[in-house]
Each structure stands twice: as structure tokens, then as C-alpha cells.
Amino acid sequence: MSFSSDPVVNVHQASIFQENDTVLQEINFQISKGEFVYLIGRTGSGKTSLLKTLYADLPLRLGDIAVSGFQIKDIKRKEIPFLRRKIGIIFQDFQLFPDRSVADNLNFVMKATGWKDRSKMKNRLAEVLMRVGLGSVSNKMPHQLSGGEQQRIVIARALINEPQILIADEPTGNLDPEVSDGIFKLFLEINNSGTAILMATHNYSFIDKYPARIIKCTKGGVLDSEIEEFDLKEELF
């Protein structure tokens, strides 16, 4: 198998819309395989709209975006599940089914993304739960877990299909600082194993403690710390 050096995300002259409003205009950046990138910006600056466009939840009308080999502008509805097998999406508010066990939540995703072999599904379920440090909770309901444990389940769900990139929108926004730090360290472990991560955050302490490349949404565009310096703190809130 030949190894591709193409970036996992390639954004070229793209404009991002929220309904009929342009929130980001003519933006350009790339994310390489295995890279860790923070996405920052004030509330309403376009971070979430950008992330939703990357995983084809919002349509791309102008410009070009390629994610894991898929052209987002031309993507057909039937192709979106195949795109989402190559990326993992992690939300602030967990979005677990409250009436299903942890195992049923993860099995739902496996079935939706084409898994059929029950023994392989069982093995993969065990693997991803062990990966996030929760190997014994498969039969528990979400309400029986703490917020930090629920977020670890969400990360396990995102890892099921061995994604090339995790896209995380404020993944520690609802957690207390100590729990948040544990979740962030889990992201670092996942990144160190070769998975790229794009994480939207308002948490300056992460950026201060674990420096990495930063993309900032501001004034209808993006700035990239690889290209220019900018003041972080004034843009986080």
C-alpha cells in the first residue's frame, strides 16, 4: 500500500456560511496527517460553522475543501457516511442516546457505518473502551456515568473506525478543570499514536500548557500561527 502525504484537511479560498450569512470568507489552511491544531476565536466568530462544513453538516458554496480525500463542495448525500468513517466528531454536549447502554450507543455507530460481523463489533467495542480507560462500563446507561466518563465514551465512539482526524468542538466545555485536563491528555495520547486532531477551545490553559499550532477565526477570516503571530488571550472570549 502506498502512503499518501496529502494533507488530511485542505481548505482553499473557502467561504463559510451559516444560512444566508457569510461568517468566514476566502479562508485557506491545511492540516497534515498526525498534526494537532487548536481552533480559537470569540463566540460567534465562525468556529462551529467551519467545523460543520468540514464534516459536511453545512454545505460548502464557495471555494474548495478536501477532507480525507473527499471533496466537500461536490459531496453527495450518500457519500457523507463514508466521509464520516474517516473522521471522528466530538461534541461538547456528548449527544449520546440516553435510553441506550454504552454498548448500544457504540453498536449503533458501527451498524450505521457498515459493520456487520458481530464478533468483530464486540472486539472493537472492547478495544475502544479500553483505549479511553473505561473497559468495564459497556452495560451502563449514560446517566450512570459522570460528565468526564460520558465524554470518554464520545471519544471512544469517534475512534471506532480508526479515523484519520478527530474534529472536536469544545470537548471540555462542560467539564470541571481537573476532568478537562484528563480528557485533554487522552486527546494527546490519541494524537501521539498518529491521529490528527482539530480542537476548538476557549481554554487558554491548554494552549499555554501544551503549545501547538493555532488557527484563529477573527473578523470574518482566519489567521494561522504557522504564518503570523497574534494575541491569543483577547480572542478566546
C-alpha atoms as a PDB file:
ATOM      1  CA  MET A   1       0.000   0.000   0.000  1.00  0.00           C
ATOM      2  CA  SER A   2       1.402   3.384  -0.967  1.00  0.00           C
ATOM      3  CA  PHE A   3       1.479   6.068   1.714  1.00  0.00           C
ATOM      4  CA  SER A   4      -0.113   9.385   0.788  1.00  0.00           C
ATOM      5  CA  SER A   5       1.470  12.578   2.051  1.00  0.00           C
ATOM      6  CA  ASP A   6      -1.607  14.625   1.119  1.00  0.00           C
ATOM      7  CA  PRO A   7      -2.977  16.763   3.967  1.00  0.00           C
ATOM      8  CA  VAL A   8      -5.953  15.297   5.798  1.00  0.00           C
ATOM      9  CA  VAL A   9      -7.663  18.712   5.544  1.00  0.00           C
ATOM     10  CA  ASN A  10      -7.084  21.159   2.688  1.00  0.00           C
ATOM     11  CA  VAL A  11      -9.076  24.411   2.673  1.00  0.00           C
ATOM     12  CA  HIS A  12      -8.609  26.700  -0.342  1.00  0.00           C
ATOM     13  CA  GLN A  13     -10.357  30.035  -0.856  1.00  0.00           C
ATOM     14  CA  ALA A  14     -13.398  28.732   1.015  1.00  0.00           C
ATOM     15  CA  SER A  15     -16.233  30.890   2.321  1.00  0.00           C
ATOM     16  CA  ILE A  16     -18.276  29.518   5.220  1.00  0.00           C
ATOM     17  CA  PHE A  17     -21.965  30.283   5.549  1.00  0.00           C
ATOM     18  CA  GLN A  18     -24.491  29.978   8.349  1.00  0.00           C
ATOM     19  CA  GLU A  19     -27.802  30.001   6.483  1.00  0.00           C
ATOM     20  CA  ASN A  20     -27.539  33.178   4.360  1.00  0.00           C
ATOM     21  CA  ASP A  21     -24.842  34.874   6.417  1.00  0.00           C
ATOM     22  CA  THR A  22     -21.183  34.689   5.434  1.00  0.00           C
ATOM     23  CA  VAL A  23     -19.232  34.007   8.638  1.00  0.00           C
ATOM     24  CA  LEU A  24     -15.778  33.348   7.156  1.00  0.00           C
ATOM     25  CA  GLN A  25     -14.562  34.493   3.761  1.00  0.00           C
ATOM     26  CA  GLU A  26     -11.836  33.180   1.409  1.00  0.00           C
ATOM     27  CA  ILE A  27     -10.008  31.162   4.044  1.00  0.00           C
ATOM     28  CA  ASN A  28      -7.002  28.923   3.421  1.00  0.00           C
ATOM     29  CA  PHE A  29      -5.223  26.343   5.580  1.00  0.00           C
ATOM     30  CA  GLN A  30      -4.086  22.725   5.616  1.00  0.00           C
ATOM     31  CA  ILE A  31      -3.816  20.128   8.366  1.00  0.00           C
ATOM     32  CA  SER A  32      -1.266  17.356   7.897  1.00  0.00           C
ATOM     33  CA  LYS A  33      -1.684  13.734   8.918  1.00  0.00           C
ATOM     34  CA  GLY A  34      -0.875  13.352  12.622  1.00  0.00           C
ATOM     35  CA  GLU A  35      -0.942  17.093  13.345  1.00  0.00           C
ATOM     36  CA  PHE A  36      -2.524  18.708  16.432  1.00  0.00           C
ATOM     37  CA  VAL A  37      -4.211  22.062  15.768  1.00  0.00           C
ATOM     38  CA  TYR A  38      -6.186  24.361  18.070  1.00  0.00           C
ATOM     39  CA  LEU A  39      -9.100  26.348  16.636  1.00  0.00           C
ATOM     40  CA  ILE A  40      -9.828  29.507  18.604  1.00  0.00           C
ATOM     41  CA  GLY A  41     -11.949  32.622  18.283  1.00  0.00           C
ATOM     42  CA  ARG A  42     -14.637  34.523  20.087  1.00  0.00           C
ATOM     43  CA  THR A  43     -18.171  33.142  20.345  1.00  0.00           C
ATOM     44  CA  GLY A  44     -19.846  33.781  17.003  1.00  0.00           C
ATOM     45  CA  SER A  45     -16.570  34.026  15.090  1.00  0.00           C
ATOM     46  CA  GLY A  46     -17.381  31.005  12.911  1.00  0.00           C
ATOM     47  CA  LYS A  47     -15.566  28.126  14.607  1.00  0.00           C
ATOM     48  CA  THR A  48     -18.524  25.754  14.810  1.00  0.00           C
ATOM     49  CA  SER A  49     -19.742  26.660  11.305  1.00  0.00           C
ATOM     50  CA  LEU A  50     -16.265  25.887   9.974  1.00  0.00           C
ATOM     51  CA  LEU A  51     -16.177  22.512  11.738  1.00  0.00           C
ATOM     52  CA  LYS A  52     -19.681  21.642  10.498  1.00  0.00           C
ATOM     53  CA  THR A  53     -18.605  22.447   6.960  1.00  0.00           C
ATOM     54  CA  LEU A  54     -15.579  20.164   7.292  1.00  0.00           C
ATOM     55  CA  TYR A  55     -17.773  17.188   8.171  1.00  0.00           C
ATOM     56  CA  ALA A  56     -20.465  18.146   5.622  1.00  0.00           C
ATOM     57  CA  ASP A  57     -23.177  19.156   8.072  1.00  0.00           C
ATOM     58  CA  LEU A  58     -23.263  22.590   6.407  1.00  0.00           C
ATOM     59  CA  PRO A  59     -22.959  22.926   2.614  1.00  0.00           C
ATOM     60  CA  LEU A  60     -19.853  24.461   1.045  1.00  0.00           C
ATOM     61  CA  ARG A  61     -20.958  27.046  -1.517  1.00  0.00           C
ATOM     62  CA  LEU A  62     -17.739  28.855  -2.403  1.00  0.00           C
ATOM     63  CA  GLY A  63     -14.171  27.600  -2.614  1.00  0.00           C
ATOM     64  CA  ASP A  64     -12.740  24.126  -2.141  1.00  0.00           C
ATOM     65  CA  ILE A  65     -12.315  21.877   0.889  1.00  0.00           C
ATOM     66  CA  ALA A  66     -10.934  18.349   0.831  1.00  0.00           C
ATOM     67  CA  VAL A  67     -11.177  16.187   3.968  1.00  0.00           C
ATOM     68  CA  SER A  68      -9.676  12.683   3.987  1.00  0.00           C
ATOM     69  CA  GLY A  69      -9.834  12.596   0.203  1.00  0.00           C
ATOM     70  CA  PHE A  70     -13.466  13.768  -0.084  1.00  0.00           C
ATOM     71  CA  GLN A  71     -14.306  16.978  -1.945  1.00  0.00           C
ATOM     72  CA  ILE A  72     -16.807  18.656   0.381  1.00  0.00           C
ATOM     73  CA  LYS A  73     -18.274  21.017  -2.221  1.00  0.00           C
ATOM     74  CA  ASP A  74     -19.326  18.185  -4.530  1.00  0.00           C
ATOM     75  CA  ILE A  75     -20.098  15.553  -1.913  1.00  0.00           C
ATOM     76  CA  LYS A  76     -23.326  13.632  -2.433  1.00  0.00           C
ATOM     77  CA  ARG A  77     -25.617  12.844   0.488  1.00  0.00           C
ATOM     78  CA  LYS A  78     -24.959   9.107   0.103  1.00  0.00           C
ATOM     79  CA  GLU A  79     -21.201   9.738   0.378  1.00  0.00           C
ATOM     80  CA  ILE A  80     -21.360  11.588   3.700  1.00  0.00           C
ATOM     81  CA  PRO A  81     -21.407   8.392   5.830  1.00  0.00           C
ATOM     82  CA  PHE A  82     -18.213   7.278   4.057  1.00  0.00           C
ATOM     83  CA  LEU A  83     -16.570  10.636   4.843  1.00  0.00           C
ATOM     84  CA  ARG A  84     -17.556  10.259   8.487  1.00  0.00           C
ATOM     85  CA  ARG A  85     -15.938   6.842   8.679  1.00  0.00           C
ATOM     86  CA  LYS A  86     -12.618   8.612   8.101  1.00  0.00           C
ATOM     87  CA  ILE A  87     -13.179  11.363  10.654  1.00  0.00           C
ATOM     88  CA  GLY A  88     -14.277  11.309  14.277  1.00  0.00           C
ATOM     89  CA  ILE A  89     -16.604  14.034  15.549  1.00  0.00           C
ATOM     90  CA  ILE A  90     -16.721  15.007  19.223  1.00  0.00           C
ATOM     91  CA  PHE A  91     -19.284  17.426  20.606  1.00  0.00           C
ATOM     92  CA  GLN A  92     -19.403  19.479  23.800  1.00  0.00           C
ATOM     93  CA  ASP A  93     -22.832  18.134  24.766  1.00  0.00           C
ATOM     94  CA  PHE A  94     -21.989  14.416  24.273  1.00  0.00           C
ATOM     95  CA  GLN A  95     -25.037  13.530  22.112  1.00  0.00           C
ATOM     96  CA  LEU A  96     -25.336  10.017  23.497  1.00  0.00           C
ATOM     97  CA  PHE A  97     -28.674   8.195  23.314  1.00  0.00           C
ATOM     98  CA  PRO A  98     -29.913   8.432  26.933  1.00  0.00           C
ATOM     99  CA  ASP A  99     -32.140   5.347  26.638  1.00  0.00           C
ATOM    100  CA  ARG A 100     -29.383   3.025  25.386  1.00  0.00           C
ATOM    101  CA  SER A 101     -26.437   1.439  27.130  1.00  0.00           C
ATOM    102  CA  VAL A 102     -22.873   2.410  26.318  1.00  0.00           C
ATOM    103  CA  ALA A 103     -22.541  -0.738  24.212  1.00  0.00           C
ATOM    104  CA  ASP A 104     -25.749   0.037  22.321  1.00  0.00           C
ATOM    105  CA  ASN A 105     -24.604   3.612  21.685  1.00  0.00           C
ATOM    106  CA  LEU A 106     -21.371   2.359  20.133  1.00  0.00           C
ATOM    107  CA  ASN A 107     -23.013  -0.511  18.276  1.00  0.00           C
ATOM    108  CA  PHE A 108     -25.420   1.964  16.695  1.00  0.00           C
ATOM    109  CA  VAL A 109     -22.481   3.829  15.156  1.00  0.00           C
ATOM    110  CA  MET A 110     -20.865   0.617  13.956  1.00  0.00           C
ATOM    111  CA  LYS A 111     -24.052  -0.548  12.270  1.00  0.00           C
ATOM    112  CA  ALA A 112     -24.585   2.891  10.725  1.00  0.00           C
ATOM    113  CA  THR A 113     -21.086   2.822   9.239  1.00  0.00           C
ATOM    114  CA  GLY A 114     -21.304  -0.637   7.760  1.00  0.00           C
ATOM    115  CA  TRP A 115     -20.127  -3.073  10.438  1.00  0.00           C
ATOM    116  CA  LYS A 116     -21.894  -6.443  10.205  1.00  0.00           C
ATOM    117  CA  ASP A 117     -19.711  -9.116  11.823  1.00  0.00           C
ATOM    118  CA  ARG A 118     -20.884  -9.417  15.446  1.00  0.00           C
ATOM    119  CA  SER A 119     -17.619 -10.842  16.768  1.00  0.00           C
ATOM    120  CA  LYS A 120     -15.590  -8.034  15.138  1.00  0.00           C
ATOM    121  CA  MET A 121     -18.023  -5.472  16.531  1.00  0.00           C
ATOM    122  CA  LYS A 122     -17.692  -6.949  20.032  1.00  0.00           C
ATOM    123  CA  ASN A 123     -13.895  -6.892  19.809  1.00  0.00           C
ATOM    124  CA  ARG A 124     -13.809  -3.323  18.502  1.00  0.00           C
ATOM    125  CA  LEU A 125     -16.185  -2.195  21.239  1.00  0.00           C
ATOM    126  CA  ALA A 126     -13.853  -3.634  23.876  1.00  0.00           C
ATOM    127  CA  GLU A 127     -10.799  -2.075  22.193  1.00  0.00           C
ATOM    128  CA  VAL A 128     -12.125   1.481  22.061  1.00  0.00           C
ATOM    129  CA  LEU A 129     -13.469   1.362  25.618  1.00  0.00           C
ATOM    130  CA  MET A 130     -10.086   0.155  26.872  1.00  0.00           C
ATOM    131  CA  ARG A 131      -8.438   2.909  24.829  1.00  0.00           C
ATOM    132  CA  VAL A 132     -10.330   5.580  26.764  1.00  0.00           C
ATOM    133  CA  GLY A 133      -9.864   3.879  30.131  1.00  0.00           C
ATOM    134  CA  LEU A 134     -13.443   2.620  30.578  1.00  0.00           C
ATOM    135  CA  GLY A 135     -13.238  -1.073  29.818  1.00  0.00           C
ATOM    136  CA  SER A 136     -15.948  -2.116  32.301  1.00  0.00           C
ATOM    137  CA  VAL A 137     -18.837   0.265  31.527  1.00  0.00           C
ATOM    138  CA  SER A 138     -20.355  -1.268  28.392  1.00  0.00           C
ATOM    139  CA  ASN A 139     -23.602  -2.228  30.150  1.00  0.00           C
ATOM    140  CA  LYS A 140     -24.083   1.086  31.954  1.00  0.00           C
ATOM    141  CA  MET A 141     -26.518   3.785  30.863  1.00  0.00           C
ATOM    142  CA  PRO A 142     -25.196   7.299  30.130  1.00  0.00           C
ATOM    143  CA  HIS A 143     -26.904   8.767  33.228  1.00  0.00           C
ATOM    144  CA  GLN A 144     -24.902   6.348  35.397  1.00  0.00           C
ATOM    145  CA  LEU A 145     -21.657   7.943  34.208  1.00  0.00           C
ATOM    146  CA  SER A 146     -20.012  11.217  35.201  1.00  0.00           C
ATOM    147  CA  GLY A 147     -19.620  14.006  32.648  1.00  0.00           C
ATOM    148  CA  GLY A 148     -15.972  13.109  32.127  1.00  0.00           C
ATOM    149  CA  GLU A 149     -16.843   9.444  31.623  1.00  0.00           C
ATOM    150  CA  GLN A 150     -19.557  10.353  29.125  1.00  0.00           C
ATOM    151  CA  GLN A 151     -17.073  12.413  27.149  1.00  0.00           C
ATOM    152  CA  ARG A 152     -14.664   9.479  27.131  1.00  0.00           C
ATOM    153  CA  ILE A 153     -17.479   7.358  25.654  1.00  0.00           C
ATOM    154  CA  VAL A 154     -17.984  10.018  22.978  1.00  0.00           C
ATOM    155  CA  ILE A 155     -14.258   9.824  22.186  1.00  0.00           C
ATOM    156  CA  ALA A 156     -14.466   6.015  22.060  1.00  0.00           C
ATOM    157  CA  ARG A 157     -17.392   6.358  19.637  1.00  0.00           C
ATOM    158  CA  ALA A 158     -15.337   8.709  17.464  1.00  0.00           C
ATOM    159  CA  LEU A 159     -12.419   6.231  17.385  1.00  0.00           C
ATOM    160  CA  ILE A 160     -14.444   3.215  16.218  1.00  0.00           C
ATOM    161  CA  ASN A 161     -13.497   3.490  12.546  1.00  0.00           C
ATOM    162  CA  GLU A 162      -9.840   4.448  13.180  1.00  0.00           C
ATOM    163  CA  PRO A 163     -10.289   7.975  11.794  1.00  0.00           C
ATOM    164  CA  GLN A 164      -7.537   9.995  10.156  1.00  0.00           C
ATOM    165  CA  ILE A 165      -8.643  13.057  12.128  1.00  0.00           C
ATOM    166  CA  LEU A 166     -10.721  13.880  15.200  1.00  0.00           C
ATOM    167  CA  ILE A 167     -12.757  17.088  14.934  1.00  0.00           C
ATOM    168  CA  ALA A 168     -13.631  18.271  18.443  1.00  0.00           C
ATOM    169  CA  ASP A 169     -15.916  21.226  19.186  1.00  0.00           C
ATOM    170  CA  GLU A 170     -15.273  22.481  22.742  1.00  0.00           C
ATOM    171  CA  PRO A 171     -14.897  18.902  24.053  1.00  0.00           C
ATOM    172  CA  THR A 172     -14.167  20.040  27.625  1.00  0.00           C
ATOM    173  CA  GLY A 173     -16.571  22.986  27.712  1.00  0.00           C
ATOM    174  CA  ASN A 174     -18.985  21.305  30.152  1.00  0.00           C
ATOM    175  CA  LEU A 175     -16.369  19.724  32.408  1.00  0.00           C
ATOM    176  CA  ASP A 176     -14.547  20.939  35.508  1.00  0.00           C
ATOM    177  CA  PRO A 177     -10.831  21.767  35.201  1.00  0.00           C
ATOM    178  CA  GLU A 178      -9.419  18.543  36.664  1.00  0.00           C
ATOM    179  CA  VAL A 179     -11.638  16.335  34.491  1.00  0.00           C
ATOM    180  CA  SER A 180     -10.922  18.555  31.482  1.00  0.00           C
ATOM    181  CA  ASP A 181      -7.199  18.033  31.902  1.00  0.00           C
ATOM    182  CA  GLY A 182      -7.644  14.258  31.894  1.00  0.00           C
ATOM    183  CA  ILE A 183      -9.739  14.430  28.728  1.00  0.00           C
ATOM    184  CA  PHE A 184      -7.160  16.654  27.063  1.00  0.00           C
ATOM    185  CA  LYS A 185      -4.342  14.246  27.933  1.00  0.00           C
ATOM    186  CA  LEU A 186      -6.388  11.490  26.291  1.00  0.00           C
ATOM    187  CA  PHE A 187      -6.515  13.588  23.117  1.00  0.00           C
ATOM    188  CA  LEU A 188      -2.740  13.967  23.284  1.00  0.00           C
ATOM    189  CA  GLU A 189      -2.305  10.180  23.592  1.00  0.00           C
ATOM    190  CA  ILE A 190      -4.552   9.658  20.567  1.00  0.00           C
ATOM    191  CA  ASN A 191      -2.621  12.281  18.625  1.00  0.00           C
ATOM    192  CA  ASN A 192       0.725  10.709  19.578  1.00  0.00           C
ATOM    193  CA  SER A 193      -0.491   7.461  18.018  1.00  0.00           C
ATOM    194  CA  GLY A 194      -0.864   9.212  14.655  1.00  0.00           C
ATOM    195  CA  THR A 195      -4.407  10.621  14.522  1.00  0.00           C
ATOM    196  CA  ALA A 196      -4.675  14.291  13.550  1.00  0.00           C
ATOM    197  CA  ILE A 197      -6.767  16.477  15.854  1.00  0.00           C
ATOM    198  CA  LEU A 198      -8.526  19.784  15.223  1.00  0.00           C
ATOM    199  CA  MET A 199      -9.872  21.064  18.535  1.00  0.00           C
ATOM    200  CA  ALA A 200     -11.992  24.182  19.011  1.00  0.00           C
ATOM    201  CA  THR A 201     -11.449  25.546  22.518  1.00  0.00           C
ATOM    202  CA  HIS A 202     -11.809  28.611  24.709  1.00  0.00           C
ATOM    203  CA  ASN A 203      -9.459  27.103  27.300  1.00  0.00           C
ATOM    204  CA  TYR A 204      -6.272  29.158  27.258  1.00  0.00           C
ATOM    205  CA  SER A 205      -4.645  26.942  29.892  1.00  0.00           C
ATOM    206  CA  PHE A 206      -4.432  24.073  27.366  1.00  0.00           C
ATOM    207  CA  ILE A 207      -2.724  26.291  24.811  1.00  0.00           C
ATOM    208  CA  ASP A 208      -0.362  27.636  27.460  1.00  0.00           C
ATOM    209  CA  LYS A 209       0.461  24.194  28.898  1.00  0.00           C
ATOM    210  CA  TYR A 210       0.501  22.193  25.660  1.00  0.00           C
ATOM    211  CA  PRO A 211       1.597  24.536  22.856  1.00  0.00           C
ATOM    212  CA  ALA A 212       0.660  23.581  19.298  1.00  0.00           C
ATOM    213  CA  ARG A 213      -0.291  25.236  16.047  1.00  0.00           C
ATOM    214  CA  ILE A 214      -3.286  27.600  16.306  1.00  0.00           C
ATOM    215  CA  ILE A 215      -5.865  28.658  13.742  1.00  0.00           C
ATOM    216  CA  LYS A 216      -7.871  31.697  14.822  1.00  0.00           C
ATOM    217  CA  CYS A 217     -11.256  32.757  13.449  1.00  0.00           C
ATOM    218  CA  THR A 218     -11.430  36.544  13.570  1.00  0.00           C
ATOM    219  CA  LYS A 219     -13.013  39.421  11.636  1.00  0.00           C
ATOM    220  CA  GLY A 220     -14.506  37.109   9.011  1.00  0.00           C
ATOM    221  CA  GLY A 221     -11.272  35.290   8.223  1.00  0.00           C
ATOM    222  CA  VAL A 222      -8.643  33.009   9.752  1.00  0.00           C
ATOM    223  CA  LEU A 223      -5.109  33.566  10.992  1.00  0.00           C
ATOM    224  CA  ASP A 224      -2.575  30.754  11.244  1.00  0.00           C
ATOM    225  CA  SER A 225       0.172  30.732  13.879  1.00  0.00           C
ATOM    226  CA  GLU A 226       2.434  28.963  11.385  1.00  0.00           C
ATOM    227  CA  ILE A 227       2.320  32.095   9.238  1.00  0.00           C
ATOM    228  CA  GLU A 228       1.904  35.022  11.637  1.00  0.00           C
ATOM    229  CA  GLU A 229       1.925  35.904  15.311  1.00  0.00           C
ATOM    230  CA  PHE A 230      -1.206  37.119  17.075  1.00  0.00           C
ATOM    231  CA  ASP A 231      -2.508  37.825  20.581  1.00  0.00           C
ATOM    232  CA  LEU A 232      -4.276  34.742  21.897  1.00  0.00           C
ATOM    233  CA  LYS A 233      -5.998  35.914  25.045  1.00  0.00           C
ATOM    234  CA  GLU A 234      -8.075  38.678  23.520  1.00  0.00           C
ATOM    235  CA  GLU A 235      -9.569  36.214  21.037  1.00  0.00           C
ATOM    236  CA  LEU A 236     -10.650  33.389  23.324  1.00  0.00           C
ATOM    237  CA  PHE A 237     -13.739  35.038  24.785  1.00  0.00           C
END
